[in-house]
């Protein structure tokens, strides 16, 4: 895992052309390629896998989301918050340490996921699928760590070429499996994760001009600064995951695979929006961090408003595209009637719209260490509200649309809780 300077290894002409593109557009393009991989994988499994395999894939994706959130809370998000004060040497050490931390989190996650499968599906603990999931977690988390480093350093052209190569590798592996009529959940997971090997072989180099002040080494003082952020971010992501993803495991154990497959089939159509939200946050975290260090509060609030309108237009347009699929019902899986698909698309669309707005507020607040506590408390209250409403509602009615609607209501509650810290008279 030797450091490789993207400016030396990547084609100079390509980097020059990409460097002329607006940076937010380039960031969204990068995330769009990663989103496209998950969308293609989900679409293939909708048509070529049975409900059991499809449900396992849903659980795998949500387990990975938990591990990625833990990695983000423990290291990546605090690193971005502190990056403005870090020297070149400290940044280089932090990027290398992030890769090893990714591997540790992935191994723990792989063991826990294998235990879940062992006790719920009565499978062998050391199964082929368990090993596939373990190594997939490793490759995906290392990929995320390096992608965060590229974004932190502002090397978007290099990240674009990295993500483009990742997309081509996925298409090659999945395409070969499709031509051989051997598509399966395991092969799709391997196609998603194996290209992540390139992230273990190279990482972006920190250039000489990237010099901060105040933090020169990963010493005890730096660890305390990271923990001051992570101590609120860590329980926060656990609460957020239980709220946004944990209910899939609840539904799998209470309602069975049919309900999970039907709900997940429509939510996974929103994979591009979900990962676009992650891409937005990855790009704008350093932006908000710089504005916070500059004490440019008016500029922060202006950016929040403009991005709120932008995300609203993107989600609304995507919902219209999904509704247009009703003209071609053969695209939908057999267990998803068009009428139910329309209801769920509208409900999930509202949920993702409010979630993106809430994410904008959270990202703005997390630019300062004091904001972690505010975001955690709001997320905890919203998560508790969701389960207090959803569990009794699910016992009384099995109407599928209830789940995304109650999720949306809980996200609205969190958004309202964050409004005053961002725009109120006492906002920083």
Protein backbone atom coordinates (compact mmCIF):
# COMPACT_ATOMS: atom_id res chain seq x y z
CA UNK A 1 0.00 0.00 0.00
CA UNK A 2 2.62 2.48 -1.06
CA UNK A 3 1.56 6.02 -1.59
CA UNK A 4 1.04 6.85 -5.25
CA UNK A 5 0.74 10.42 -6.37
CA UNK A 6 -2.24 10.78 -8.64
CA UNK A 7 -0.65 13.74 -10.35
CA UNK A 8 2.23 11.48 -11.52
CA UNK A 9 0.45 8.24 -12.26
CA UNK A 10 -2.81 9.39 -13.87
CA UNK A 11 -2.93 10.72 -17.44
CA UNK A 12 -2.06 14.39 -17.41
CA UNK A 13 -4.45 15.29 -20.24
CA UNK A 14 -7.39 13.60 -18.53
CA UNK A 15 -6.65 15.31 -15.22
CA UNK A 16 -6.35 18.66 -16.98
CA UNK A 17 -9.72 18.26 -18.68
CA UNK A 18 -11.41 17.05 -15.50
CA UNK A 19 -9.85 19.91 -13.55
CA UNK A 20 -11.87 22.38 -15.63
CA UNK A 21 -15.18 20.87 -14.53
CA UNK A 22 -17.06 22.54 -11.63
CA UNK A 23 -16.05 20.75 -8.45
CA UNK A 24 -19.59 19.99 -7.18
CA UNK A 25 -20.45 18.51 -10.60
CA UNK A 26 -17.31 16.36 -10.49
CA UNK A 27 -18.12 15.19 -6.98
CA UNK A 28 -21.67 14.22 -7.95
CA UNK A 29 -20.33 12.43 -11.03
CA UNK A 30 -17.98 10.38 -8.85
CA UNK A 31 -20.75 9.43 -6.47
CA UNK A 32 -23.05 8.77 -9.42
CA UNK A 33 -20.69 6.06 -10.68
CA UNK A 34 -20.59 4.40 -7.26
CA UNK A 35 -24.37 4.76 -7.04
CA UNK A 36 -24.73 3.26 -10.50
CA UNK A 37 -22.95 0.11 -9.36
CA UNK A 38 -25.38 -0.46 -6.48
CA UNK A 39 -28.35 0.37 -8.72
CA UNK A 40 -27.26 -2.08 -11.45
CA UNK A 41 -26.56 -4.77 -8.85
CA UNK A 42 -30.00 -4.28 -7.26
CA UNK A 43 -31.74 -4.28 -10.65
CA UNK A 44 -30.02 -7.51 -11.74
CA UNK A 45 -30.95 -9.30 -8.53
CA UNK A 46 -34.55 -8.11 -8.83
CA UNK A 47 -34.84 -10.15 -12.01
CA UNK A 48 -32.34 -12.99 -11.65
CA UNK A 49 -32.48 -13.93 -7.95
CA UNK A 50 -35.21 -15.46 -5.81
CA UNK A 51 -36.68 -13.71 -2.77
CA UNK A 52 -34.32 -15.49 -0.38
CA UNK A 53 -31.17 -14.34 -2.18
CA UNK A 54 -32.59 -10.88 -2.72
CA UNK A 55 -33.40 -10.50 0.98
CA UNK A 56 -29.89 -11.66 1.93
CA UNK A 57 -28.48 -9.02 -0.43
CA UNK A 58 -30.65 -6.37 1.25
CA UNK A 59 -29.34 -7.42 4.67
CA UNK A 60 -25.75 -7.40 3.34
CA UNK A 61 -26.15 -3.86 1.98
CA UNK A 62 -27.60 -2.65 5.28
CA UNK A 63 -24.87 -4.39 7.30
CA UNK A 64 -22.29 -2.65 5.11
CA UNK A 65 -24.11 0.65 5.71
CA UNK A 66 -23.67 0.14 9.46
CA UNK A 67 -19.94 -0.61 9.12
CA UNK A 68 -19.43 2.38 6.82
CA UNK A 69 -21.24 4.59 9.33
CA UNK A 70 -19.03 3.34 12.17
CA UNK A 71 -15.92 4.02 10.08
CA UNK A 72 -17.23 7.47 9.27
CA UNK A 73 -18.02 8.29 12.90
CA UNK A 74 -14.81 6.91 14.41
CA UNK A 75 -12.38 8.36 11.91
CA UNK A 76 -13.44 9.87 8.58
CA UNK A 77 -15.81 12.58 9.82
CA UNK A 78 -13.55 13.75 12.71
CA UNK A 79 -10.61 13.72 10.29
CA UNK A 80 -12.41 16.08 7.93
CA UNK A 81 -13.39 18.32 10.84
CA UNK A 82 -9.75 18.56 11.99
CA UNK A 83 -8.10 18.54 8.54
CA UNK A 84 -7.88 22.33 8.33
CA UNK A 85 -5.43 22.29 11.25
CA UNK A 86 -3.33 19.31 10.10
CA UNK A 87 0.12 19.39 8.51
CA UNK A 88 1.10 17.39 5.42
CA UNK A 89 2.80 14.70 7.52
CA UNK A 90 -0.19 14.32 9.85
CA UNK A 91 -2.57 13.95 6.90
CA UNK A 92 -0.38 11.26 5.30
CA UNK A 93 -0.22 9.28 8.55
CA UNK A 94 -3.99 9.63 9.04
CA UNK A 95 -4.75 8.32 5.55
CA UNK A 96 -2.55 5.24 6.12
CA UNK A 97 -4.07 4.61 9.56
CA UNK A 98 -7.57 4.86 8.06
CA UNK A 99 -6.91 1.88 5.79
CA UNK A 100 -5.89 -0.36 8.71
CA UNK A 101 -8.89 0.80 10.72
CA UNK A 102 -11.12 -0.12 7.75
CA UNK A 103 -9.78 -3.68 7.79
CA UNK A 104 -10.37 -4.06 11.55
CA UNK A 105 -13.97 -2.81 11.30
CA UNK A 106 -14.60 -5.09 8.30
CA UNK A 107 -13.33 -8.20 10.11
CA UNK A 108 -15.51 -7.51 13.15
CA UNK A 109 -18.49 -6.83 10.88
CA UNK A 110 -17.92 -10.03 8.90
CA UNK A 111 -17.86 -12.11 12.08
CA UNK A 112 -21.07 -10.54 13.42
CA UNK A 113 -22.87 -10.94 10.08
CA UNK A 114 -21.86 -14.61 9.92
CA UNK A 115 -23.20 -15.09 13.45
CA UNK A 116 -26.51 -13.49 12.44
CA UNK A 117 -26.83 -15.84 9.46
CA UNK A 118 -25.84 -18.80 11.59
CA UNK A 119 -28.55 -18.22 14.20
CA UNK A 120 -31.36 -16.97 11.91
CA UNK A 121 -30.82 -19.18 8.84
CA UNK A 122 -29.14 -22.15 10.58
CA UNK A 123 -26.16 -21.91 8.21
CA UNK A 124 -22.61 -22.97 8.99
CA UNK A 125 -20.56 -20.21 10.64
CA UNK A 126 -17.64 -20.78 8.24
CA UNK A 127 -19.67 -20.80 5.01
CA UNK A 128 -18.63 -19.65 1.53
CA UNK A 129 -21.09 -16.77 1.61
CA UNK A 130 -19.78 -15.71 5.04
CA UNK A 131 -16.22 -15.52 3.71
CA UNK A 132 -17.41 -13.63 0.63
CA UNK A 133 -19.20 -11.09 2.82
CA UNK A 134 -16.12 -10.70 5.07
CA UNK A 135 -13.76 -9.91 2.20
CA UNK A 136 -16.39 -7.74 0.53
CA UNK A 137 -16.69 -5.62 3.67
CA UNK A 138 -12.89 -5.24 3.66
CA UNK A 139 -12.64 -4.09 0.05
CA UNK A 140 -15.63 -1.75 0.28
CA UNK A 141 -14.51 -0.06 3.50
CA UNK A 142 -10.96 0.46 2.21
CA UNK A 143 -12.48 1.95 -0.93
CA UNK A 144 -14.55 4.33 1.20
CA UNK A 145 -11.51 5.33 3.26
CA UNK A 146 -9.52 6.23 0.16
CA UNK A 147 -12.44 8.02 -1.46
CA UNK A 148 -12.76 10.15 1.69
CA UNK A 149 -9.04 10.95 1.52
CA UNK A 150 -9.33 12.13 -2.10
CA UNK A 151 -12.25 14.34 -1.16
CA UNK A 152 -10.50 15.70 1.93
CA UNK A 153 -7.47 16.65 -0.20
CA UNK A 154 -9.66 18.12 -2.94
CA UNK A 155 -8.27 15.70 -5.59
CA UNK A 156 -11.53 15.25 -7.45
CA UNK A 157 -10.05 14.57 -10.92
CA UNK A 158 -8.03 11.66 -9.49
CA UNK A 159 -11.10 10.38 -7.65
CA UNK A 160 -13.13 10.56 -10.87
CA UNK A 161 -10.64 8.34 -12.74
CA UNK A 162 -10.49 5.94 -9.78
CA UNK A 163 -14.30 5.62 -9.65
CA UNK A 164 -14.50 5.27 -13.44
CA UNK A 165 -12.04 2.36 -13.34
CA UNK A 166 -14.06 0.86 -10.47
CA UNK A 167 -17.27 1.10 -12.53
CA UNK A 168 -15.67 -0.52 -15.58
CA UNK A 169 -14.32 -3.38 -13.48
CA UNK A 170 -17.75 -4.01 -11.97
CA UNK A 171 -19.41 -4.01 -15.40
CA UNK A 172 -16.80 -6.44 -16.72
CA UNK A 173 -17.29 -8.94 -13.87
CA UNK A 174 -21.11 -8.68 -13.76
CA UNK A 175 -21.32 -8.75 -17.57
CA UNK A 176 -19.22 -11.92 -17.77
CA UNK A 177 -21.45 -13.61 -15.17
CA UNK A 178 -24.57 -12.57 -17.10
CA UNK A 179 -23.21 -13.89 -20.41
CA UNK A 180 -22.40 -17.20 -18.71
CA UNK A 181 -25.94 -17.33 -17.22
CA UNK A 182 -24.42 -17.63 -13.75
CA UNK A 183 -25.69 -14.48 -12.04
CA UNK A 184 -26.26 -14.97 -8.33
CA UNK A 185 -26.25 -12.92 -5.15
CA UNK A 186 -22.70 -14.06 -4.27
CA UNK A 187 -21.34 -13.16 -7.73
CA UNK A 188 -23.01 -9.75 -7.64
CA UNK A 189 -21.50 -9.02 -4.21
CA UNK A 190 -18.07 -10.07 -5.52
CA UNK A 191 -18.49 -7.86 -8.58
CA UNK A 192 -19.28 -4.90 -6.29
CA UNK A 193 -16.36 -5.47 -3.94
CA UNK A 194 -13.45 -7.01 -5.89
CA UNK A 195 -12.70 -3.79 -7.81
CA UNK A 196 -12.04 -2.25 -4.40
CA UNK A 197 -8.67 -4.05 -4.50
CA UNK A 198 -7.30 -1.08 -6.43
CA UNK A 199 -7.90 1.06 -3.33
CA UNK A 200 -5.63 -1.26 -1.33
CA UNK A 201 -2.82 -0.77 -3.86
CA UNK A 202 -2.85 3.02 -4.09
CA UNK A 203 -3.94 6.07 -2.17
CA UNK A 204 -3.76 9.80 -2.89
CA UNK A 205 -0.55 11.54 -1.87
CA UNK A 206 -0.58 14.72 0.19
CA UNK A 207 1.15 17.45 -1.77
CA UNK A 208 3.68 19.84 -0.26
CA UNK A 209 1.35 22.81 -0.51
CA UNK A 210 -1.26 21.07 1.67
CA UNK A 211 0.02 22.45 4.96
CA UNK A 212 -2.06 23.11 8.03
CA UNK A 213 -1.12 24.42 11.45
CA UNK A 214 -1.52 23.04 14.94
CA UNK A 215 -1.50 19.24 14.35
CA UNK A 216 1.81 17.70 13.23
CA UNK A 217 1.51 14.11 14.51
CA UNK A 218 -1.07 11.48 15.47
CA UNK A 219 -0.28 11.83 19.15
CA UNK A 220 -2.39 11.73 22.29
CA UNK A 221 -3.56 15.31 21.75
CA UNK A 222 -4.77 14.40 18.27
CA UNK A 223 -6.51 11.28 19.59
CA UNK A 224 -8.34 13.39 22.17
CA UNK A 225 -9.42 15.83 19.45
CA UNK A 226 -10.74 12.93 17.34
CA UNK A 227 -12.56 11.46 20.34
CA UNK A 228 -14.18 14.81 21.16
CA UNK A 229 -16.01 14.43 17.83
CA UNK A 230 -16.38 10.63 17.77
CA UNK A 231 -17.86 10.32 21.27
CA UNK A 232 -21.05 11.91 19.97
CA UNK A 233 -20.80 10.74 16.36
CA UNK A 234 -20.44 7.05 17.30
CA UNK A 235 -23.69 6.68 19.27
CA UNK A 236 -25.25 9.00 16.71
CA UNK A 237 -24.56 6.69 13.76
CA UNK A 238 -25.77 3.68 15.76
CA UNK A 239 -29.04 5.46 16.42
CA UNK A 240 -29.28 6.61 12.80
CA UNK A 241 -28.63 3.10 11.50
CA UNK A 242 -31.26 1.59 13.80
CA UNK A 243 -33.64 4.26 12.56
CA UNK A 244 -32.80 4.15 8.84
CA UNK A 245 -31.67 0.54 8.32
CA UNK A 246 -32.24 -1.61 11.39
CA UNK A 247 -35.93 -2.19 10.70
CA UNK A 248 -35.01 -4.53 7.80
CA UNK A 249 -33.72 -7.07 10.30
CA UNK A 250 -36.88 -6.56 12.41
CA UNK A 251 -39.11 -7.11 9.37
CA UNK A 252 -37.09 -10.16 8.31
CA UNK A 253 -37.66 -11.83 11.69
CA UNK A 254 -41.30 -10.74 12.19
CA UNK A 255 -42.90 -10.44 8.73
CA UNK A 256 -40.74 -12.74 6.62
CA UNK A 257 -38.90 -12.41 3.34
CA UNK A 258 -41.89 -11.46 1.15
CA UNK A 259 -42.49 -8.14 2.91
CA UNK A 260 -38.77 -7.38 3.03
CA UNK A 261 -38.36 -8.15 -0.67
CA UNK A 262 -41.35 -6.03 -1.68
CA UNK A 263 -40.36 -2.99 0.40
CA UNK A 264 -36.71 -3.32 -0.51
CA UNK A 265 -37.50 -3.63 -4.21
CA UNK A 266 -38.87 -0.09 -4.28
CA UNK A 267 -36.39 1.41 -1.82
CA UNK A 268 -33.47 0.00 -3.79
CA UNK A 269 -34.75 1.87 -6.84
CA UNK A 270 -33.75 4.94 -4.78
CA UNK A 271 -30.17 3.69 -4.37
CA UNK A 272 -28.83 6.49 -6.62
CA UNK A 273 -30.51 9.10 -4.40
CA UNK A 274 -29.27 7.49 -1.18
CA UNK A 275 -25.70 7.34 -2.39
CA UNK A 276 -26.01 10.79 -3.93
CA UNK A 277 -26.78 12.03 -0.41
CA UNK A 278 -23.59 10.36 0.79
CA UNK A 279 -21.67 11.93 -2.08
CA UNK A 280 -23.12 15.34 -1.30
CA UNK A 281 -22.09 15.02 2.35
CA UNK A 282 -18.60 13.78 1.44
CA UNK A 283 -18.00 16.82 -0.76
CA UNK A 284 -19.63 19.46 1.44
CA UNK A 285 -18.21 18.33 4.79
CA UNK A 286 -14.84 19.96 4.03
CA UNK A 287 -16.66 22.99 2.56
CA UNK A 288 -18.68 23.56 5.72
CA UNK A 289 -15.58 22.87 7.83
CA UNK A 290 -13.67 25.64 6.03
CA UNK A 291 -16.59 28.07 6.41
CA UNK A 292 -16.79 27.20 10.12
CA UNK A 293 -13.08 27.90 10.64
CA UNK A 294 -13.55 31.20 8.78
CA UNK A 295 -16.59 31.99 10.99
CA UNK A 296 -18.60 32.65 7.81
CA UNK A 297 -22.00 31.86 9.33
CA UNK A 298 -24.01 33.88 6.80
CA UNK A 299 -22.31 32.04 3.95
CA UNK A 300 -23.06 28.69 5.62
CA UNK A 301 -26.77 29.49 5.88
CA UNK A 302 -26.90 30.72 2.28
CA UNK A 303 -25.31 27.46 1.16
CA UNK A 304 -27.81 25.45 3.21
CA UNK A 305 -30.74 27.20 1.49
CA UNK A 306 -29.35 26.82 -2.03
CA UNK A 307 -28.51 23.16 -1.52
CA UNK A 308 -31.97 22.53 -0.08
CA UNK A 309 -33.59 23.73 -3.31
CA UNK A 310 -31.13 21.73 -5.42
CA UNK A 311 -31.75 18.46 -3.63
CA UNK A 312 -35.52 19.00 -3.75
CA UNK A 313 -35.40 19.32 -7.54
CA UNK A 314 -33.17 16.25 -7.89
CA UNK A 315 -35.39 14.00 -5.76
CA UNK A 316 -38.59 15.24 -7.42
CA UNK A 317 -37.16 14.60 -10.87
CA UNK A 318 -36.02 11.12 -9.88
CA UNK A 319 -39.48 10.26 -8.54
CA UNK A 320 -41.01 11.26 -11.89
CA UNK A 321 -38.52 9.02 -13.70
CA UNK A 322 -39.45 6.06 -11.49
CA UNK A 323 -43.18 6.67 -12.01
CA UNK A 324 -42.52 6.62 -15.75
CA UNK A 325 -41.50 2.97 -15.34
CA UNK A 326 -45.21 2.20 -14.94
CA UNK A 327 -45.42 2.48 -18.73
CA UNK A 328 -43.10 -0.55 -18.89
CA UNK A 329 -44.41 -2.86 -16.13
CA UNK A 330 -42.24 -5.76 -17.32
CA UNK A 331 -39.28 -3.95 -15.75
CA UNK A 332 -40.83 -4.48 -12.30
CA UNK A 333 -40.45 -7.80 -10.45
CA UNK A 334 -43.48 -10.10 -10.57
CA UNK A 335 -44.23 -9.71 -6.85
CA UNK A 336 -44.53 -5.89 -7.15
CA UNK A 337 -47.89 -4.81 -8.68
CA UNK A 338 -47.81 -1.44 -10.52
CA UNK A 339 -50.37 0.20 -8.17
CA UNK A 340 -48.37 -0.75 -5.08
CA UNK A 341 -45.16 0.34 -6.82
CA UNK A 342 -46.60 3.83 -7.42
CA UNK A 343 -47.65 4.21 -3.76
CA UNK A 344 -44.27 3.10 -2.45
CA UNK A 345 -42.32 5.29 -4.89
CA UNK A 346 -44.20 8.38 -3.72
CA UNK A 347 -43.74 7.42 -0.05
CA UNK A 348 -40.04 6.64 -0.41
CA UNK A 349 -39.61 9.81 -2.46
CA UNK A 350 -40.94 11.95 0.39
CA UNK A 351 -38.72 10.10 2.84
CA UNK A 352 -35.53 10.61 0.84
CA UNK A 353 -36.33 14.26 0.21
CA UNK A 354 -36.69 14.98 3.93
CA UNK A 355 -33.66 12.81 4.70
CA UNK A 356 -31.49 14.84 2.31
CA UNK A 357 -32.70 18.11 3.84
CA UNK A 358 -31.96 16.77 7.32
CA UNK A 359 -28.53 15.64 6.10
CA UNK A 360 -27.76 19.18 4.92
CA UNK A 361 -28.55 20.54 8.38
CA UNK A 362 -26.50 17.79 10.08
CA UNK A 363 -23.49 18.35 7.83
CA UNK A 364 -23.53 22.07 8.58
CA UNK A 365 -23.65 21.45 12.33
CA UNK A 366 -20.94 18.76 12.26
CA UNK A 367 -18.47 21.31 10.89
CA UNK A 368 -17.92 22.22 14.56
CA UNK A 369 -17.23 19.75 17.37
CA UNK A 370 -20.09 21.25 19.44
CA UNK A 371 -22.57 20.24 16.74
CA UNK A 372 -22.03 16.50 17.28
CA UNK A 373 -24.00 16.53 20.51
CA UNK A 374 -26.89 18.46 18.93
CA UNK A 375 -27.10 16.05 15.98
CA UNK A 376 -26.92 13.01 18.25
CA UNK A 377 -29.77 14.16 20.49
CA UNK A 378 -32.00 14.97 17.52
CA UNK A 379 -31.26 11.59 15.90
CA UNK A 380 -31.91 9.71 19.13
CA UNK A 381 -35.28 11.40 19.58
CA UNK A 382 -36.24 10.69 15.96
CA UNK A 383 -35.20 7.03 16.20
CA UNK A 384 -37.19 6.46 19.38
CA UNK A 385 -40.21 8.17 17.80
CA UNK A 386 -40.01 5.88 14.74
CA UNK A 387 -40.09 2.62 16.70
CA UNK A 388 -42.75 3.92 19.11
CA UNK A 389 -44.97 4.59 16.09
CA UNK A 390 -43.94 1.78 13.74
CA UNK A 391 -44.05 -1.32 15.96
CA UNK A 392 -47.66 -0.83 17.18
CA UNK A 393 -48.77 0.36 13.74
CA UNK A 394 -47.25 -2.75 12.16
CA UNK A 395 -49.04 -4.97 14.66
CA UNK A 396 -52.38 -3.35 13.78
CA UNK A 397 -51.88 -3.13 10.02
CA UNK A 398 -49.60 -4.77 7.45
CA UNK A 399 -50.02 -1.92 4.94
CA UNK A 400 -46.58 -1.69 3.34
CA UNK A 401 -46.65 2.08 2.84
CA UNK A 402 -46.79 2.61 6.62
CA UNK A 403 -43.05 1.97 6.98
CA UNK A 404 -41.76 4.75 4.65
CA UNK A 405 -44.48 7.14 5.81
CA UNK A 406 -43.54 6.75 9.49
CA UNK A 407 -39.86 7.04 8.55
CA UNK A 408 -40.67 10.30 6.77
CA UNK A 409 -42.56 11.64 9.79
CA UNK A 410 -39.61 10.82 12.06
CA UNK A 411 -37.17 12.52 9.67
CA UNK A 412 -39.39 15.61 9.71
CA UNK A 413 -39.20 15.61 13.51
CA UNK A 414 -35.37 15.50 13.36
CA UNK A 415 -35.32 18.25 10.74
CA UNK A 416 -37.48 20.45 12.95
CA UNK A 417 -35.18 19.76 15.92
CA UNK A 418 -32.14 20.92 13.94
CA UNK A 419 -33.80 24.02 12.49
CA UNK A 420 -33.21 26.26 15.50
CA UNK A 421 -29.50 25.38 16.00
CA UNK A 422 -28.92 26.20 12.30
CA UNK A 423 -31.17 29.22 11.74
CA UNK A 424 -32.28 30.25 15.21
CA UNK A 425 -31.24 33.39 17.02
CA UNK A 426 -28.70 31.46 19.09
CA UNK A 427 -27.12 29.67 16.12
CA UNK A 428 -23.39 29.79 16.09
